[in-house]
């Protein structure tokens, strides 16, 4: 885990303890790990946990991200969309910024800015009423690229601040994005019967 931990003692009704233990046993994890996960989901839902988004339909998503590509053409991050309630990864996307934008915006820390732009875009799509596990882009041909989006110079204003302002005011338009009727994991072959267990 790598994080500092602290032992605490709490008193809970025996009925709750039994239910939590049954859930932990069913998942094949320790009681402590299950309690930690329940707290983590609560904190995410309350806005205090890791990066999370609640969709307009009330679904909670957790976003994990890691660097994917940094070359002369673009700086791109991978965004993994998890649905903690079902402990499933529902989608993964590659969102990046083209070289010309980074140069013209005079960005020194390409990695950090690219990550922030990707997260801002996912939040923007969510505010537009799109379920973020169902996003698809037609910027690049082929079914393997339906989760890839790289911003190009002609799509954005002259500064990063102006772009963030447009996203916050919901005045930017992404001509490549659409919402599929199925989540990406279902489109890529996960059986629906495996989704909610």
Protein backbone atom coordinates (compact mmCIF):
# COMPACT_ATOMS: atom_id res chain seq x y z
CA UNK A 1 0.00 0.00 0.00
CA UNK A 2 2.84 2.41 0.83
CA UNK A 3 0.58 4.71 2.86
CA UNK A 4 0.91 5.32 6.58
CA UNK A 5 -1.65 3.37 8.56
CA UNK A 6 -2.94 3.74 12.09
CA UNK A 7 -4.67 1.17 14.25
CA UNK A 8 -8.03 2.28 15.59
CA UNK A 9 -10.73 0.50 17.49
CA UNK A 10 -14.39 0.99 16.63
CA UNK A 11 -17.55 -0.43 18.12
CA UNK A 12 -20.19 -1.59 15.66
CA UNK A 13 -23.36 -3.58 16.19
CA UNK A 14 -22.83 -7.33 15.94
CA UNK A 15 -25.38 -7.48 13.10
CA UNK A 16 -23.23 -5.12 10.97
CA UNK A 17 -20.09 -7.07 11.79
CA UNK A 18 -21.70 -10.30 10.61
CA UNK A 19 -22.93 -8.73 7.35
CA UNK A 20 -19.54 -7.18 6.63
CA UNK A 21 -17.78 -10.47 7.36
CA UNK A 22 -20.13 -12.32 4.98
CA UNK A 23 -19.42 -9.78 2.24
CA UNK A 24 -15.65 -10.07 2.82
CA UNK A 25 -15.83 -13.88 2.73
CA UNK A 26 -17.85 -13.78 -0.49
CA UNK A 27 -15.21 -11.56 -2.11
CA UNK A 28 -12.38 -13.69 -0.73
CA UNK A 29 -10.71 -10.81 1.13
CA UNK A 30 -9.95 -10.07 4.75
CA UNK A 31 -12.44 -8.29 6.98
CA UNK A 32 -9.99 -5.37 7.32
CA UNK A 33 -9.52 -5.06 3.53
CA UNK A 34 -13.29 -5.06 3.05
CA UNK A 35 -13.83 -2.34 5.69
CA UNK A 36 -11.08 -0.29 4.01
CA UNK A 37 -12.80 -0.67 0.60
CA UNK A 38 -16.21 0.31 2.02
CA UNK A 39 -14.64 3.45 3.53
CA UNK A 40 -12.78 4.23 0.31
CA UNK A 41 -16.02 4.04 -1.73
CA UNK A 42 -17.79 6.25 0.82
CA UNK A 43 -14.99 8.83 0.68
CA UNK A 44 -15.01 8.84 -3.13
CA UNK A 45 -18.76 9.35 -3.12
CA UNK A 46 -18.33 12.21 -0.64
CA UNK A 47 -15.66 13.91 -2.77
CA UNK A 48 -12.76 13.16 -0.41
CA UNK A 49 -11.23 10.11 -2.03
CA UNK A 50 -9.28 9.45 -5.21
CA UNK A 51 -10.34 11.11 -8.44
CA UNK A 52 -13.98 10.26 -8.92
CA UNK A 53 -17.00 11.29 -10.97
CA UNK A 54 -20.69 10.76 -10.27
CA UNK A 55 -22.63 10.56 -13.52
CA UNK A 56 -25.98 12.23 -14.15
CA UNK A 57 -27.60 8.81 -13.67
CA UNK A 58 -26.02 8.54 -10.20
CA UNK A 59 -23.26 6.04 -11.03
CA UNK A 60 -19.93 6.52 -9.27
CA UNK A 61 -16.73 6.14 -11.30
CA UNK A 62 -13.14 6.20 -10.10
CA UNK A 63 -10.48 7.37 -12.54
CA UNK A 64 -6.96 5.97 -12.44
CA UNK A 65 -4.39 7.43 -14.79
CA UNK A 66 -0.84 6.75 -15.87
CA UNK A 67 1.49 8.17 -18.52
CA UNK A 68 1.10 6.44 -21.87
CA UNK A 69 3.04 8.27 -24.59
CA UNK A 70 5.43 11.22 -24.68
CA UNK A 71 7.10 11.80 -28.01
CA UNK A 72 7.65 14.53 -30.60
CA UNK A 73 4.02 14.39 -31.75
CA UNK A 74 1.98 14.20 -28.55
CA UNK A 75 1.86 13.70 -24.78
CA UNK A 76 -0.87 11.23 -23.85
CA UNK A 77 -2.17 9.63 -20.65
CA UNK A 78 -4.16 6.44 -20.17
CA UNK A 79 -7.34 6.88 -18.11
CA UNK A 80 -8.89 3.79 -16.53
CA UNK A 81 -12.57 4.15 -15.64
CA UNK A 82 -13.54 1.89 -12.74
CA UNK A 83 -17.00 1.39 -11.25
CA UNK A 84 -16.18 0.69 -7.57
CA UNK A 85 -19.68 -0.53 -6.72
CA UNK A 86 -19.09 -3.60 -8.91
CA UNK A 87 -15.28 -3.58 -8.68
CA UNK A 88 -15.03 -3.54 -12.49
CA UNK A 89 -12.88 -1.61 -14.93
CA UNK A 90 -15.50 -0.34 -17.35
CA UNK A 91 -13.36 1.53 -19.89
CA UNK A 92 -9.91 2.86 -20.66
CA UNK A 93 -9.09 5.84 -22.82
CA UNK A 94 -6.01 7.49 -24.23
CA UNK A 95 -6.32 11.28 -24.11
CA UNK A 96 -3.48 13.49 -25.24
CA UNK A 97 -2.36 16.89 -26.47
CA UNK A 98 -0.62 17.46 -29.80
CA UNK A 99 2.87 18.95 -30.00
CA UNK A 100 1.76 22.24 -31.58
CA UNK A 101 -0.62 23.02 -28.73
CA UNK A 102 2.02 22.32 -26.08
CA UNK A 103 4.50 24.55 -27.91
CA UNK A 104 2.06 27.42 -28.51
CA UNK A 105 0.70 27.25 -24.96
CA UNK A 106 4.35 27.41 -23.83
CA UNK A 107 3.94 24.39 -21.58
CA UNK A 108 7.05 23.39 -19.67
CA UNK A 109 5.59 20.46 -17.69
CA UNK A 110 3.94 18.54 -20.55
CA UNK A 111 3.11 15.49 -18.44
CA UNK A 112 1.24 17.33 -15.67
CA UNK A 113 -0.68 19.61 -18.03
CA UNK A 114 -1.67 16.70 -20.28
CA UNK A 115 -2.97 14.75 -17.28
CA UNK A 116 -4.98 17.75 -16.03
CA UNK A 117 -6.46 18.38 -19.49
CA UNK A 118 -7.55 14.72 -19.77
CA UNK A 119 -9.24 14.82 -16.36
CA UNK A 120 -10.88 18.15 -17.23
CA UNK A 121 -12.22 16.64 -20.46
CA UNK A 122 -13.67 13.61 -18.68
CA UNK A 123 -15.40 15.91 -16.19
CA UNK A 124 -16.62 18.07 -19.09
CA UNK A 125 -18.17 15.09 -20.89
CA UNK A 126 -19.77 14.00 -17.61
CA UNK A 127 -21.33 17.46 -17.13
CA UNK A 128 -22.71 17.13 -20.68
CA UNK A 129 -24.74 14.16 -19.41
CA UNK A 130 -22.56 11.50 -21.03
CA UNK A 131 -21.80 8.26 -19.15
CA UNK A 132 -18.01 8.23 -19.11
CA UNK A 133 -17.75 4.48 -19.56
CA UNK A 134 -19.64 4.77 -22.87
CA UNK A 135 -17.54 7.43 -24.61
CA UNK A 136 -16.22 6.80 -28.08
CA UNK A 137 -14.28 9.03 -30.46
CA UNK A 138 -14.11 8.85 -34.25
CA UNK A 139 -10.92 10.92 -34.57
CA UNK A 140 -8.89 7.91 -35.71
CA UNK A 141 -10.28 5.10 -37.87
CA UNK A 142 -10.77 1.58 -36.60
CA UNK A 143 -12.48 -0.04 -33.61
CA UNK A 144 -9.22 -0.22 -31.63
CA UNK A 145 -9.00 3.58 -31.67
CA UNK A 146 -12.52 4.33 -30.42
CA UNK A 147 -11.01 5.23 -27.03
CA UNK A 148 -8.26 7.50 -28.34
CA UNK A 149 -8.46 11.30 -28.40
CA UNK A 150 -5.62 13.72 -29.14
CA UNK A 151 -6.39 17.43 -29.09
CA UNK A 152 -5.06 19.35 -32.08
CA UNK A 153 -4.27 23.04 -32.44
CA UNK A 154 -7.32 23.93 -34.56
CA UNK A 155 -9.67 22.74 -31.79
CA UNK A 156 -8.48 24.87 -28.87
CA UNK A 157 -8.06 28.55 -27.98
CA UNK A 158 -4.70 30.31 -27.71
CA UNK A 159 -4.05 29.58 -24.03
CA UNK A 160 -4.54 26.75 -21.58
CA UNK A 161 -6.47 29.08 -19.25
CA UNK A 162 -8.93 29.96 -22.02
CA UNK A 163 -9.43 26.26 -22.76
CA UNK A 164 -10.18 25.46 -19.10
CA UNK A 165 -12.57 28.43 -19.00
CA UNK A 166 -14.44 27.12 -22.05
CA UNK A 167 -14.72 23.67 -20.49
CA UNK A 168 -15.99 25.05 -17.18
CA UNK A 169 -18.54 27.27 -18.95
CA UNK A 170 -19.51 24.28 -21.14
CA UNK A 171 -18.87 26.36 -24.28
CA UNK A 172 -16.43 24.01 -25.99
CA UNK A 173 -17.54 21.42 -28.53
CA UNK A 174 -15.84 18.10 -29.22
CA UNK A 175 -16.81 17.15 -32.78
CA UNK A 176 -15.33 13.66 -32.38
CA UNK A 177 -17.04 12.42 -29.22
CA UNK A 178 -20.24 10.44 -28.96
CA UNK A 179 -21.87 8.14 -26.45
CA UNK A 180 -22.44 4.49 -27.31
CA UNK A 181 -25.43 2.65 -25.88
CA UNK A 182 -23.05 0.14 -24.22
CA UNK A 183 -20.05 0.59 -21.97
CA UNK A 184 -16.64 0.03 -23.54
CA UNK A 185 -16.00 -3.21 -21.64
CA UNK A 186 -19.22 -4.70 -23.05
CA UNK A 187 -18.36 -3.48 -26.57
CA UNK A 188 -14.97 -5.18 -26.22
CA UNK A 189 -16.40 -8.52 -25.21
CA UNK A 190 -17.17 -8.67 -21.47
CA UNK A 191 -20.43 -10.63 -21.14
CA UNK A 192 -23.21 -8.59 -19.56
CA UNK A 193 -23.87 -11.52 -17.21
CA UNK A 194 -20.44 -10.88 -15.62
CA UNK A 195 -21.08 -7.20 -15.09
CA UNK A 196 -22.99 -7.06 -11.85
CA UNK A 197 -21.39 -9.79 -9.76
